[in-house]
C-alpha atoms as a PDB file:
ATOM      1  CA  MET A   1     189.865  33.803 -17.304  1.00  0.00           C
ATOM      2  CA  TRP A   2     192.350  35.154 -14.715  1.00  0.00           C
ATOM      3  CA  GLN A   3     195.759  36.313 -16.501  1.00  0.00           C
ATOM      4  CA  PRO A   4     198.740  36.394 -14.329  1.00  0.00           C
ATOM      5  CA  ASP A   5     199.719  39.127 -15.278  1.00  0.00           C
ATOM      6  CA  CYS A   6     196.988  41.334 -15.211  1.00  0.00           C
ATOM      7  CA  GLY A   7     196.891  41.080 -11.550  1.00  0.00           C
ATOM      8  CA  TRP A   8     192.688  42.253 -10.001  1.00  0.00           C
ATOM      9  CA  ALA A   9     192.042  44.688 -12.463  1.00  0.00           C
ATOM     10  CA  GLY A  10     192.052  41.946 -15.011  1.00  0.00           C
ATOM     11  CA  SER A  11     190.750  39.266 -12.996  1.00  0.00           C
ATOM     12  CA  GLY A  12     187.282  41.190 -12.280  1.00  0.00           C
ATOM     13  CA  TRP A  13     187.466  41.487  -8.539  1.00  0.00           C
ATOM     14  CA  TRP A  14     188.148  44.895  -8.895  1.00  0.00           C
ATOM     15  CA  TRP A  15     184.652  45.986  -8.287  1.00  0.00           C
ATOM     16  CA  VAL A  16     184.221  43.614  -5.143  1.00  0.00           C
ATOM     17  CA  MET A  17     187.245  45.622  -4.098  1.00  0.00           C
ATOM     18  CA  MET A  18     185.118  48.871  -5.107  1.00  0.00           C
ATOM     19  CA  VAL A  19     182.614  48.261  -3.167  1.00  0.00           C
ATOM     20  CA  PHE A  20     184.448  47.887   0.256  1.00  0.00           C
ATOM     21  CA  MET A  21     186.245  50.902  -0.789  1.00  0.00           C
ATOM     22  CA  ALA A  22     182.582  52.247  -0.466  1.00  0.00           C
ATOM     23  CA  ILE A  23     181.622  50.510   2.238  1.00  0.00           C
ATOM     24  CA  PHE A  24     185.098  51.345   4.161  1.00  0.00           C
ATOM     25  CA  TRP A  25     184.581  55.346   3.483  1.00  0.00           C
ATOM     26  CA  ILE A  26     180.696  54.799   4.710  1.00  0.00           C
ATOM     27  CA  ALA A  27     181.895  53.715   8.457  1.00  0.00           C
ATOM     28  CA  VAL A  28     184.264  56.164   8.020  1.00  0.00           C
ATOM     29  CA  ILE A  29     182.167  59.282   7.829  1.00  0.00           C
ATOM     30  CA  GLY A  30     179.061  57.983   9.502  1.00  0.00           C
ATOM     31  CA  GLY A  31     181.402  57.365  12.598  1.00  0.00           C
ATOM     32  CA  VAL A  32     183.136  60.889  12.735  1.00  0.00           C
ATOM     33  CA  ILE A  33     179.323  62.135  12.536  1.00  0.00           C
ATOM     34  CA  TRP A  34     178.096  59.835  15.593  1.00  0.00           C
ATOM     35  CA  LEU A  35     181.176  61.579  16.934  1.00  0.00           C
ATOM     36  CA  ILE A  36     179.649  65.136  17.182  1.00  0.00           C
ATOM     37  CA  VAL A  37     176.891  64.553  17.923  1.00  0.00           C
ATOM     38  CA  TRP A  38     177.956  62.147  20.831  1.00  0.00           C
ATOM     39  CA  LEU A  39     180.373  65.241  22.171  1.00  0.00           C
ATOM     40  CA  ALA A  40     178.169  67.580  21.682  1.00  0.00           C
ATOM     41  CA  ASN A  41     175.557  66.335  23.579  1.00  0.00           C
ATOM     42  CA  ARG A  42     177.783  65.615  25.801  1.00  0.00           C
ATOM     43  CA  THR A  43     179.096  69.399  26.211  1.00  0.00           C
ATOM     44  CA  ARG A  44     174.929  70.204  26.510  1.00  0.00           C
ATOM     45  CA  THR A  45     174.275  68.096  29.302  1.00  0.00           C
ATOM     46  CA  ALA A  46     177.538  69.094  30.563  1.00  0.00           C
ATOM     47  CA  VAL A  47     176.499  72.625  30.531  1.00  0.00           C
ATOM     48  CA  GLY A  48     173.631  72.685  32.680  1.00  0.00           C
ATOM     49  CA  GLU A  49     170.725  71.554  30.884  1.00  0.00           C
ATOM     50  CA  GLY A  50     168.417  69.703  33.171  1.00  0.00           C
ATOM     51  CA  ARG A  51     169.716  71.372  36.277  1.00  0.00           C
ATOM     52  CA  GLU A  52     166.933  73.208  38.622  1.00  0.00           C
ATOM     53  CA  SER A  53     167.020  76.865  38.022  1.00  0.00           C
ATOM     54  CA  PRO A  54     167.629  78.721  41.237  1.00  0.00           C
ATOM     55  CA  LEU A  55     163.862  79.890  41.467  1.00  0.00           C
ATOM     56  CA  ASP A  56     162.714  76.674  40.791  1.00  0.00           C
ATOM     57  CA  ILE A  57     164.982  75.769  43.797  1.00  0.00           C
ATOM     58  CA  LEU A  58     162.927  78.077  46.204  1.00  0.00           C
ATOM     59  CA  LYS A  59     159.950  77.472  45.014  1.00  0.00           C
ATOM     60  CA  ARG A  60     160.194  73.959  45.913  1.00  0.00           C
ATOM     61  CA  ARG A  61     161.652  74.761  49.207  1.00  0.00           C
ATOM     62  CA  TYR A  62     158.444  77.073  49.879  1.00  0.00           C
ATOM     63  CA  ALA A  63     156.300  74.103  48.277  1.00  0.00           C
ATOM     64  CA  SER A  64     157.692  71.454  51.202  1.00  0.00           C
ATOM     65  CA  GLY A  65     157.194  74.106  53.882  1.00  0.00           C
ATOM     66  CA  GLU A  66     161.564  74.747  54.251  1.00  0.00           C
ATOM     67  CA  ILE A  67     160.964  78.303  54.307  1.00  0.00           C
ATOM     68  CA  ASN A  68     157.698  80.648  54.936  1.00  0.00           C
ATOM     69  CA  ARG A  69     156.621  83.377  52.799  1.00  0.00           C
ATOM     70  CA  GLU A  70     158.156  86.564  53.945  1.00  0.00           C
ATOM     71  CA  GLU A  71     161.462  84.391  53.599  1.00  0.00           C
ATOM     72  CA  TYR A  72     160.136  83.151  49.613  1.00  0.00           C
ATOM     73  CA  GLU A  73     159.188  86.605  48.887  1.00  0.00           C
ATOM     74  CA  ARG A  74     162.613  87.952  49.970  1.00  0.00           C
ATOM     75  CA  MET A  75     164.368  85.315  48.083  1.00  0.00           C
ATOM     76  CA  LYS A  76     162.382  85.712  44.747  1.00  0.00           C
ATOM     77  CA  GLU A  77     162.995  89.773  44.926  1.00  0.00           C
ATOM     78  CA  GLU A  78     167.006  89.119  45.420  1.00  0.00           C
ATOM     79  CA  LEU A  79     167.271  86.924  42.649  1.00  0.00           C
ATOM     80  CA  SER A  80     165.383  88.915  40.026  1.00  0.00           C
END
């Protein structure tokens, strides 16, 4: 039975408040973890992951016929 002078603790609704507090803190912790992972992935991509290396560009240019063998060998030596 609900007693007006006891508030939430005396009414038996304290467990509902605990469940909502647990959900709240799980959401906060999950949000922080998600933010850290998102920022780490964004930073790693911005640094240059996924870009072609200079040697890959040189190989592609040689394969497409933009440069001849002599130019390829000279530029490859300069990159090494």
